[in-house]
Amino acid sequence: MTKPRVATAWLSGCSGCHMSFLDIDEGLFELADKIDLVYSPIADVKDFPQNVDVTLVEGAVTNSENEELAHTIRKNSRIVIAFGDCASTGNVSAMRNRFTVDEIERRAYIELTDRNPKVPNAYEIIATLMKKALPLHEVIPVDLFLHGCPPSAEEIWLAVTELLAGRTPVLPSAYLRFG
């Protein structure tokens, strides 16, 4: 029997959701026996693969690279999960939405640097910022939301094991929280 192909991705976020995923602790061994982890920031895989069964996506969509990866994930994943509050609502990443891109770049590259203050214009090196940070579902269709900043290891375990059992997770109301 073929193991389900699972991926995790990290857009613009703090990696807290992935740290919470690692907090599954011994459950990771059980999970490793049941899945084929085909893409993740905790694995050295450069290109997002095709035919992924479940992808957990952490972080808001804030730049052109995030947007491109989000579309690639949706195209190649059967189920996409908004993993944590940044992916679900924009959360901390969206705090920048009250500023223009020019204001953000001036602050980051001119005001807060002590050497060679210059706003980069060679965007082949860094991704172009979008006008606003967006939750994942405003860029691609999302099948499930795991709320929390970060979601608890228990919530992640419940969602993943339910999906692996072929069921749509019904998360207790205690998990329907933000922040």
N, C-alpha and C. Protein backbone atom coordinates (compact mmCIF):
# COMPACT_ATOMS: atom_id res chain seq x y z
N MET A 1 0.83 -1.18 0.00
CA MET A 1 0.00 0.00 0.00
C MET A 1 0.88 1.25 0.00
N THR A 2 0.52 2.22 -0.82
CA THR A 2 1.28 3.46 -0.92
C THR A 2 0.92 4.38 0.24
N LYS A 3 1.93 4.96 0.85
CA LYS A 3 1.71 5.90 1.94
C LYS A 3 1.20 7.23 1.37
N PRO A 4 0.35 7.95 2.13
CA PRO A 4 -0.07 9.28 1.70
C PRO A 4 1.14 10.21 1.62
N ARG A 5 1.13 11.03 0.59
CA ARG A 5 2.21 12.00 0.38
C ARG A 5 1.80 13.30 1.08
N VAL A 6 2.61 13.71 2.05
CA VAL A 6 2.32 14.88 2.88
C VAL A 6 3.43 15.90 2.71
N ALA A 7 3.03 17.18 2.69
CA ALA A 7 3.99 18.27 2.59
C ALA A 7 3.64 19.33 3.62
N THR A 8 4.65 20.09 4.03
CA THR A 8 4.43 21.30 4.80
C THR A 8 5.20 22.41 4.10
N ALA A 9 4.67 23.61 4.17
CA ALA A 9 5.33 24.75 3.53
C ALA A 9 5.30 25.94 4.47
N TRP A 10 6.26 26.81 4.30
CA TRP A 10 6.43 27.97 5.16
C TRP A 10 6.50 29.20 4.27
N LEU A 11 5.46 30.03 4.34
CA LEU A 11 5.45 31.29 3.58
C LEU A 11 5.98 32.38 4.51
N SER A 12 5.25 33.48 4.68
CA SER A 12 5.72 34.55 5.56
C SER A 12 5.13 34.37 6.95
N GLY A 13 5.90 33.74 7.80
CA GLY A 13 5.51 33.48 9.17
C GLY A 13 6.77 33.30 9.99
N CYS A 14 6.60 32.88 11.21
CA CYS A 14 7.73 32.83 12.14
C CYS A 14 8.30 31.43 12.35
N SER A 15 7.72 30.43 11.76
CA SER A 15 8.05 29.01 11.91
C SER A 15 7.46 28.40 13.17
N GLY A 16 6.66 29.14 13.91
CA GLY A 16 6.05 28.63 15.12
C GLY A 16 5.14 27.44 14.87
N CYS A 17 4.45 27.44 13.73
CA CYS A 17 3.55 26.31 13.41
C CYS A 17 4.37 25.04 13.17
N HIS A 18 5.50 25.19 12.50
CA HIS A 18 6.36 24.02 12.29
C HIS A 18 6.98 23.56 13.61
N MET A 19 7.30 24.49 14.48
CA MET A 19 7.82 24.11 15.80
C MET A 19 6.76 23.34 16.57
N SER A 20 5.50 23.78 16.47
CA SER A 20 4.41 23.08 17.13
C SER A 20 4.21 21.69 16.51
N PHE A 21 4.38 21.59 15.21
CA PHE A 21 4.34 20.29 14.53
C PHE A 21 5.40 19.35 15.12
N LEU A 22 6.59 19.88 15.34
CA LEU A 22 7.65 19.06 15.94
C LEU A 22 7.34 18.69 17.38
N ASP A 23 6.48 19.48 18.05
CA ASP A 23 6.08 19.19 19.42
C ASP A 23 5.17 17.96 19.53
N ILE A 24 4.83 17.36 18.39
CA ILE A 24 4.10 16.09 18.44
C ILE A 24 4.97 15.03 19.12
N ASP A 25 6.29 15.31 19.17
CA ASP A 25 7.26 14.47 19.87
C ASP A 25 7.25 13.02 19.36
N GLU A 26 6.99 12.05 20.25
CA GLU A 26 7.04 10.64 19.87
C GLU A 26 6.06 10.30 18.76
N GLY A 27 5.00 11.07 18.65
CA GLY A 27 4.03 10.86 17.58
C GLY A 27 4.64 11.02 16.20
N LEU A 28 5.76 11.74 16.12
CA LEU A 28 6.44 11.90 14.83
C LEU A 28 6.93 10.56 14.30
N PHE A 29 7.34 9.66 15.20
CA PHE A 29 7.78 8.33 14.76
C PHE A 29 6.62 7.55 14.17
N GLU A 30 5.48 7.63 14.84
CA GLU A 30 4.27 6.96 14.34
C GLU A 30 3.85 7.56 13.00
N LEU A 31 3.91 8.88 12.93
CA LEU A 31 3.55 9.56 11.69
C LEU A 31 4.50 9.20 10.55
N ALA A 32 5.78 9.10 10.87
CA ALA A 32 6.78 8.75 9.85
C ALA A 32 6.53 7.37 9.24
N ASP A 33 5.94 6.48 10.01
CA ASP A 33 5.60 5.15 9.50
C ASP A 33 4.38 5.19 8.58
N LYS A 34 3.54 6.24 8.73
CA LYS A 34 2.27 6.29 8.01
C LYS A 34 2.29 7.18 6.77
N ILE A 35 3.26 8.10 6.68
CA ILE A 35 3.27 9.06 5.57
C ILE A 35 4.61 9.07 4.86
N ASP A 36 4.59 9.67 3.69
CA ASP A 36 5.81 9.98 2.97
C ASP A 36 5.90 11.51 2.95
N LEU A 37 6.80 12.09 3.76
CA LEU A 37 6.97 13.54 3.81
C LEU A 37 7.77 13.94 2.58
N VAL A 38 7.10 14.59 1.63
CA VAL A 38 7.71 14.84 0.32
C VAL A 38 8.23 16.25 0.15
N TYR A 39 7.87 17.17 1.05
CA TYR A 39 8.34 18.56 0.96
C TYR A 39 8.12 19.21 2.31
N SER A 40 9.12 19.96 2.78
CA SER A 40 9.00 20.64 4.06
C SER A 40 10.26 21.47 4.31
N PRO A 41 10.14 22.55 5.10
CA PRO A 41 11.35 23.26 5.50
C PRO A 41 12.21 22.43 6.46
N ILE A 42 11.64 21.36 7.01
CA ILE A 42 12.42 20.49 7.88
C ILE A 42 13.03 19.32 7.11
N ALA A 43 12.90 19.35 5.78
CA ALA A 43 13.52 18.35 4.90
C ALA A 43 14.20 19.11 3.77
N ASP A 44 15.23 18.56 3.22
CA ASP A 44 16.00 19.24 2.18
C ASP A 44 15.46 18.90 0.79
N VAL A 45 14.29 19.47 0.46
CA VAL A 45 13.67 19.28 -0.84
C VAL A 45 13.48 20.66 -1.45
N LYS A 46 13.99 20.88 -2.64
CA LYS A 46 13.99 22.22 -3.23
C LYS A 46 12.72 22.57 -3.99
N ASP A 47 12.14 21.62 -4.72
CA ASP A 47 10.99 21.90 -5.57
C ASP A 47 9.75 21.19 -5.05
N PHE A 48 8.63 21.91 -5.06
CA PHE A 48 7.39 21.31 -4.59
C PHE A 48 6.96 20.23 -5.58
N PRO A 49 6.68 19.01 -5.07
CA PRO A 49 6.38 17.88 -5.96
C PRO A 49 4.92 17.86 -6.42
N GLN A 50 4.64 17.00 -7.36
CA GLN A 50 3.28 16.75 -7.83
C GLN A 50 2.65 15.67 -6.98
N ASN A 51 1.32 15.55 -7.10
CA ASN A 51 0.56 14.47 -6.48
C ASN A 51 0.73 14.37 -4.97
N VAL A 52 0.59 15.50 -4.30
CA VAL A 52 0.66 15.54 -2.84
C VAL A 52 -0.76 15.36 -2.30
N ASP A 53 -0.92 14.52 -1.30
CA ASP A 53 -2.24 14.29 -0.73
C ASP A 53 -2.68 15.41 0.20
N VAL A 54 -1.80 15.81 1.13
CA VAL A 54 -2.13 16.84 2.12
C VAL A 54 -0.95 17.79 2.26
N THR A 55 -1.24 19.10 2.19
CA THR A 55 -0.20 20.10 2.43
C THR A 55 -0.65 21.06 3.51
N LEU A 56 0.18 21.22 4.54
CA LEU A 56 -0.05 22.21 5.58
C LEU A 56 0.79 23.43 5.23
N VAL A 57 0.14 24.60 5.11
CA VAL A 57 0.84 25.82 4.69
C VAL A 57 0.82 26.83 5.82
N GLU A 58 2.01 27.14 6.32
CA GLU A 58 2.19 28.14 7.38
C GLU A 58 2.50 29.49 6.77
N GLY A 59 1.97 30.55 7.36
CA GLY A 59 2.35 31.90 6.98
C GLY A 59 1.39 32.56 6.00
N ALA A 60 1.42 33.88 6.02
CA ALA A 60 0.62 34.68 5.09
C ALA A 60 1.35 34.78 3.75
N VAL A 61 0.62 35.22 2.75
CA VAL A 61 1.18 35.44 1.42
C VAL A 61 1.53 36.93 1.36
N THR A 62 2.84 37.23 1.35
CA THR A 62 3.27 38.63 1.43
C THR A 62 4.13 39.10 0.26
N ASN A 63 4.61 38.15 -0.54
CA ASN A 63 5.48 38.55 -1.64
C ASN A 63 5.26 37.64 -2.86
N SER A 64 5.91 37.98 -3.95
CA SER A 64 5.71 37.25 -5.20
C SER A 64 6.13 35.79 -5.10
N GLU A 65 7.16 35.52 -4.33
CA GLU A 65 7.61 34.13 -4.15
C GLU A 65 6.57 33.31 -3.39
N ASN A 66 5.99 33.89 -2.32
CA ASN A 66 4.92 33.22 -1.57
C ASN A 66 3.73 32.93 -2.47
N GLU A 67 3.36 33.92 -3.27
CA GLU A 67 2.19 33.77 -4.15
C GLU A 67 2.42 32.65 -5.17
N GLU A 68 3.59 32.61 -5.76
CA GLU A 68 3.91 31.56 -6.73
C GLU A 68 3.89 30.18 -6.08
N LEU A 69 4.49 30.06 -4.89
CA LEU A 69 4.49 28.78 -4.20
C LEU A 69 3.07 28.36 -3.81
N ALA A 70 2.25 29.30 -3.37
CA ALA A 70 0.87 28.99 -3.00
C ALA A 70 0.12 28.38 -4.19
N HIS A 71 0.28 28.98 -5.37
CA HIS A 71 -0.39 28.45 -6.57
C HIS A 71 0.16 27.07 -6.94
N THR A 72 1.46 26.88 -6.80
CA THR A 72 2.06 25.57 -7.08
C THR A 72 1.53 24.52 -6.11
N ILE A 73 1.42 24.89 -4.85
CA ILE A 73 0.89 23.98 -3.83
C ILE A 73 -0.54 23.58 -4.18
N ARG A 74 -1.38 24.56 -4.49
CA ARG A 74 -2.78 24.26 -4.79
C ARG A 74 -2.91 23.35 -6.02
N LYS A 75 -2.11 23.64 -7.03
CA LYS A 75 -2.15 22.86 -8.26
C LYS A 75 -1.76 21.40 -8.02
N ASN A 76 -0.87 21.17 -7.07
CA ASN A 76 -0.28 19.85 -6.87
C ASN A 76 -0.74 19.13 -5.60
N SER A 77 -1.72 19.70 -4.89
CA SER A 77 -2.18 19.11 -3.62
C SER A 77 -3.67 18.81 -3.67
N ARG A 78 -4.02 17.64 -3.16
CA ARG A 78 -5.43 17.27 -3.07
C ARG A 78 -6.12 18.06 -1.96
N ILE A 79 -5.48 18.17 -0.80
CA ILE A 79 -6.01 18.91 0.35
C ILE A 79 -4.97 19.93 0.79
N VAL A 80 -5.42 21.19 0.93
CA VAL A 80 -4.55 22.26 1.42
C VAL A 80 -5.12 22.77 2.74
N ILE A 81 -4.24 22.82 3.74
CA ILE A 81 -4.62 23.28 5.08
C ILE A 81 -3.92 24.60 5.37
N ALA A 82 -4.71 25.63 5.74
CA ALA A 82 -4.15 26.87 6.26
C ALA A 82 -3.68 26.57 7.67
N PHE A 83 -2.39 26.58 7.87
CA PHE A 83 -1.73 26.06 9.06
C PHE A 83 -1.37 27.23 9.97
N GLY A 84 -2.26 27.55 10.94
CA GLY A 84 -2.01 28.62 11.88
C GLY A 84 -2.68 29.93 11.48
N ASP A 85 -2.62 30.89 12.38
CA ASP A 85 -3.33 32.14 12.20
C ASP A 85 -2.79 33.02 11.07
N CYS A 86 -1.50 33.00 10.80
CA CYS A 86 -1.00 33.82 9.68
C CYS A 86 -1.58 33.33 8.36
N ALA A 87 -1.62 32.01 8.17
CA ALA A 87 -2.20 31.45 6.95
C ALA A 87 -3.72 31.63 6.94
N SER A 88 -4.35 31.59 8.11
CA SER A 88 -5.81 31.67 8.20
C SER A 88 -6.35 33.09 8.12
N THR A 89 -5.64 34.04 8.73
CA THR A 89 -6.18 35.41 8.84
C THR A 89 -5.19 36.51 8.42
N GLY A 90 -3.95 36.16 8.21
CA GLY A 90 -2.91 37.17 7.97
C GLY A 90 -2.15 37.47 9.25
N ASN A 91 -2.84 37.50 10.38
CA ASN A 91 -2.28 37.65 11.72
C ASN A 91 -1.15 38.67 11.78
N VAL A 92 -0.04 38.33 12.38
CA VAL A 92 1.07 39.27 12.60
C VAL A 92 1.62 39.80 11.27
N SER A 93 1.72 38.93 10.27
CA SER A 93 2.25 39.36 8.97
C SER A 93 1.41 40.49 8.38
N ALA A 94 0.11 40.48 8.63
CA ALA A 94 -0.79 41.49 8.06
C ALA A 94 -0.74 42.81 8.82
N MET A 95 -0.01 42.88 9.92
CA MET A 95 0.12 44.15 10.64
C MET A 95 0.76 45.21 9.75
N ARG A 96 1.50 44.77 8.75
CA ARG A 96 2.14 45.73 7.85
C ARG A 96 1.15 46.36 6.86
N ASN A 97 -0.07 45.87 6.80
CA ASN A 97 -1.03 46.32 5.79
C ASN A 97 -1.44 47.79 5.93
N ARG A 98 -1.16 48.41 7.04
CA ARG A 98 -1.50 49.83 7.18
C ARG A 98 -0.43 50.74 6.58
N PHE A 99 0.66 50.13 6.10
CA PHE A 99 1.74 50.89 5.47
C PHE A 99 1.83 50.56 3.99
N THR A 100 2.38 51.47 3.22
CA THR A 100 2.62 51.19 1.81
C THR A 100 3.92 50.40 1.66
N VAL A 101 4.08 49.76 0.54
CA VAL A 101 5.32 49.03 0.27
C VAL A 101 6.50 49.99 0.31
N ASP A 102 6.35 51.18 -0.23
CA ASP A 102 7.44 52.17 -0.20
C ASP A 102 7.84 52.50 1.24
N GLU A 103 6.86 52.67 2.12
CA GLU A 103 7.16 52.97 3.53
C GLU A 103 7.89 51.80 4.19
N ILE A 104 7.46 50.60 3.90
CA ILE A 104 8.09 49.40 4.48
C ILE A 104 9.53 49.28 4.00
N GLU A 105 9.74 49.41 2.70
CA GLU A 105 11.09 49.29 2.15
C GLU A 105 12.00 50.41 2.65
N ARG A 106 11.50 51.64 2.73
CA ARG A 106 12.31 52.74 3.23
C ARG A 106 12.74 52.47 4.68
N ARG A 107 11.79 52.00 5.49
CA ARG A 107 12.10 51.71 6.90
C ARG A 107 13.14 50.59 7.02
N ALA A 108 12.93 49.50 6.25
CA ALA A 108 13.81 48.33 6.35
C ALA A 108 15.19 48.56 5.75
N TYR A 109 15.24 49.20 4.59
CA TYR A 109 16.50 49.28 3.84
C TYR A 109 17.25 50.60 3.97
N ILE A 110 16.57 51.65 4.44
CA ILE A 110 17.23 52.96 4.58
C ILE A 110 17.39 53.32 6.06
N GLU A 111 16.27 53.40 6.76
CA GLU A 111 16.29 53.89 8.14
C GLU A 111 16.95 52.93 9.13
N LEU A 112 16.82 51.63 8.92
CA LEU A 112 17.31 50.67 9.92
C LEU A 112 18.63 50.02 9.54
N THR A 113 19.30 50.54 8.54
CA THR A 113 20.59 49.95 8.17
C THR A 113 21.72 50.89 8.58
N ASP A 114 22.86 50.31 8.88
CA ASP A 114 24.00 51.16 9.23
C ASP A 114 25.07 51.16 8.14
N ARG A 115 24.87 50.35 7.08
CA ARG A 115 25.81 50.32 5.97
C ARG A 115 25.06 50.29 4.65
N ASN A 116 25.50 51.07 3.70
CA ASN A 116 24.98 51.05 2.35
C ASN A 116 23.46 51.08 2.28
N PRO A 117 22.85 52.14 2.83
CA PRO A 117 21.39 52.21 2.78
C PRO A 117 20.89 52.37 1.33
N LYS A 118 20.14 51.40 0.88
CA LYS A 118 19.63 51.43 -0.49
C LYS A 118 18.49 50.43 -0.61
N VAL A 119 17.37 50.90 -1.17
CA VAL A 119 16.25 50.00 -1.43
C VAL A 119 16.64 49.15 -2.64
N PRO A 120 16.60 47.83 -2.51
CA PRO A 120 17.01 46.98 -3.63
C PRO A 120 16.06 47.12 -4.81
N ASN A 121 16.64 47.09 -5.99
CA ASN A 121 15.80 47.10 -7.18
C ASN A 121 16.09 45.87 -8.05
N ALA A 122 16.94 45.00 -7.56
CA ALA A 122 17.28 43.75 -8.27
C ALA A 122 16.44 42.64 -7.66
N TYR A 123 15.18 42.55 -8.08
CA TYR A 123 14.26 41.61 -7.45
C TYR A 123 14.45 40.17 -7.89
N GLU A 124 15.52 39.88 -8.61
CA GLU A 124 15.83 38.47 -8.84
C GLU A 124 16.50 37.87 -7.61
N ILE A 125 16.93 38.72 -6.69
CA ILE A 125 17.58 38.27 -5.46
C ILE A 125 16.56 38.13 -4.33
N ILE A 126 15.69 39.11 -4.20
CA ILE A 126 14.66 39.06 -3.17
C ILE A 126 13.30 39.17 -3.85
N ALA A 127 12.29 38.62 -3.22
CA ALA A 127 10.94 38.63 -3.78
C ALA A 127 10.31 40.01 -3.64
N THR A 128 9.52 40.38 -4.62
CA THR A 128 8.80 41.65 -4.60
C THR A 128 7.67 41.58 -3.59
N LEU A 129 7.60 42.58 -2.68
CA LEU A 129 6.51 42.62 -1.71
C LEU A 129 5.19 42.90 -2.41
N MET A 130 4.14 42.23 -1.97
CA MET A 130 2.79 42.52 -2.44
C MET A 130 2.29 43.75 -1.69
N LYS A 131 1.27 44.42 -2.24
CA LYS A 131 0.73 45.61 -1.58
C LYS A 131 0.21 45.30 -0.18
N LYS A 132 -0.35 44.12 -0.01
CA LYS A 132 -0.91 43.72 1.28
C LYS A 132 -0.50 42.28 1.59
N ALA A 133 -0.35 41.95 2.86
CA ALA A 133 -0.18 40.56 3.29
C ALA A 133 -1.56 39.94 3.32
N LEU A 134 -1.69 38.76 2.71
CA LEU A 134 -3.00 38.12 2.57
C LEU A 134 -3.03 36.76 3.24
N PRO A 135 -4.18 36.41 3.84
CA PRO A 135 -4.33 35.04 4.30
C PRO A 135 -4.38 34.11 3.08
N LEU A 136 -4.01 32.88 3.27
CA LEU A 136 -3.88 31.93 2.17
C LEU A 136 -5.15 31.80 1.33
N HIS A 137 -6.32 31.77 1.98
CA HIS A 137 -7.57 31.56 1.24
C HIS A 137 -7.93 32.72 0.32
N GLU A 138 -7.29 33.87 0.46
CA GLU A 138 -7.52 34.98 -0.46
C GLU A 138 -6.67 34.85 -1.72
N VAL A 139 -5.79 33.85 -1.75
CA VAL A 139 -4.92 33.63 -2.90
C VAL A 139 -5.28 32.32 -3.61
N ILE A 140 -5.55 31.28 -2.82
CA ILE A 140 -5.90 29.96 -3.38
C ILE A 140 -7.04 29.36 -2.55
N PRO A 141 -7.79 28.42 -3.11
CA PRO A 141 -8.79 27.71 -2.31
C PRO A 141 -8.12 26.87 -1.22
N VAL A 142 -8.70 26.90 -0.02
CA VAL A 142 -8.19 26.17 1.14
C VAL A 142 -9.28 25.21 1.61
N ASP A 143 -8.87 24.02 2.00
CA ASP A 143 -9.82 22.98 2.40
C ASP A 143 -10.08 22.91 3.90
N LEU A 144 -9.12 23.34 4.71
CA LEU A 144 -9.23 23.22 6.16
C LEU A 144 -8.38 24.30 6.81
N PHE A 145 -8.85 24.80 7.96
CA PHE A 145 -8.12 25.82 8.71
C PHE A 145 -7.75 25.27 10.08
N LEU A 146 -6.47 25.35 10.43
CA LEU A 146 -6.01 25.03 11.78
C LEU A 146 -5.64 26.35 12.44
N HIS A 147 -6.50 26.81 13.34
CA HIS A 147 -6.30 28.10 13.99
C HIS A 147 -5.31 27.98 15.15
N GLY A 148 -4.82 29.13 15.55
CA GLY A 148 -3.91 29.20 16.68
C GLY A 148 -2.59 29.81 16.25
N CYS A 149 -1.92 30.41 17.21
CA CYS A 149 -0.64 31.06 16.94
C CYS A 149 0.35 30.58 18.01
N PRO A 150 0.86 29.38 17.78
CA PRO A 150 0.58 28.40 16.72
C PRO A 150 -0.52 27.45 17.15
N PRO A 151 -1.02 26.62 16.21
CA PRO A 151 -1.93 25.55 16.63
C PRO A 151 -1.18 24.63 17.59
N SER A 152 -1.92 24.01 18.48
CA SER A 152 -1.26 23.10 19.43
C SER A 152 -0.86 21.82 18.73
N ALA A 153 0.12 21.13 19.30
CA ALA A 153 0.54 19.83 18.77
C ALA A 153 -0.64 18.87 18.76
N GLU A 154 -1.51 18.95 19.78
CA GLU A 154 -2.68 18.08 19.84
C GLU A 154 -3.63 18.34 18.67
N GLU A 155 -3.85 19.61 18.34
CA GLU A 155 -4.73 19.95 17.22
C GLU A 155 -4.13 19.47 15.89
N ILE A 156 -2.85 19.66 15.73
CA ILE A 156 -2.19 19.21 14.50
C ILE A 156 -2.29 17.69 14.40
N TRP A 157 -2.02 17.00 15.49
CA TRP A 157 -2.10 15.54 15.52
C TRP A 157 -3.51 15.08 15.16
N LEU A 158 -4.52 15.69 15.77
CA LEU A 158 -5.91 15.33 15.50
C LEU A 158 -6.24 15.53 14.02
N ALA A 159 -5.89 16.68 13.47
CA ALA A 159 -6.20 16.96 12.07
C ALA A 159 -5.50 15.99 11.13
N VAL A 160 -4.23 15.77 11.33
CA VAL A 160 -3.46 14.91 10.42
C VAL A 160 -3.91 13.46 10.53
N THR A 161 -4.11 12.96 11.75
CA THR A 161 -4.51 11.56 11.89
C THR A 161 -5.93 11.33 11.36
N GLU A 162 -6.82 12.29 11.52
CA GLU A 162 -8.16 12.17 10.95
C GLU A 162 -8.09 12.12 9.43
N LEU A 163 -7.30 13.00 8.84
CA LEU A 163 -7.15 12.99 7.38
C LEU A 163 -6.55 11.67 6.89
N LEU A 164 -5.56 11.17 7.62
CA LEU A 164 -4.94 9.89 7.23
C LEU A 164 -5.93 8.73 7.34
N ALA A 165 -6.91 8.87 8.23
CA ALA A 165 -7.94 7.85 8.37
C ALA A 165 -9.06 8.02 7.35
N GLY A 166 -8.93 9.03 6.49
CA GLY A 166 -9.93 9.26 5.46
C GLY A 166 -11.13 10.05 5.92
N ARG A 167 -11.00 10.71 7.07
CA ARG A 167 -12.11 11.50 7.62
C ARG A 167 -11.76 12.99 7.59
N THR A 168 -12.78 13.82 7.46
CA THR A 168 -12.59 15.26 7.57
C THR A 168 -12.54 15.59 9.06
N PRO A 169 -11.47 16.22 9.51
CA PRO A 169 -11.37 16.53 10.94
C PRO A 169 -12.48 17.46 11.40
N VAL A 170 -13.08 17.13 12.52
CA VAL A 170 -14.02 18.01 13.20
C VAL A 170 -13.30 18.44 14.46
N LEU A 171 -12.84 19.67 14.43
CA LEU A 171 -12.03 20.15 15.54
C LEU A 171 -12.90 20.66 16.68
N PRO A 172 -12.60 20.28 17.92
CA PRO A 172 -13.37 20.78 19.07
C PRO A 172 -13.32 22.30 19.12
N SER A 173 -14.35 22.90 19.68
CA SER A 173 -14.42 24.36 19.74
C SER A 173 -13.25 24.96 20.49
N ALA A 174 -12.62 24.21 21.36
CA ALA A 174 -11.45 24.71 22.08
C ALA A 174 -10.32 25.06 21.11
N TYR A 175 -10.31 24.45 19.93
CA TYR A 175 -9.28 24.74 18.95
C TYR A 175 -9.65 25.90 18.03
N LEU A 176 -10.88 26.37 18.11
CA LEU A 176 -11.31 27.45 17.23
C LEU A 176 -11.02 28.78 17.91
N ARG A 177 -9.75 29.08 18.01
CA ARG A 177 -9.27 30.29 18.69
C ARG A 177 -8.28 30.99 17.79
N PHE A 178 -8.02 32.23 18.07
CA PHE A 178 -7.02 32.98 17.33
C PHE A 178 -6.04 33.57 18.33
N GLY A 179 -4.76 33.62 17.92
CA GLY A 179 -3.73 34.21 18.76
C GLY A 179 -3.31 33.35 19.90
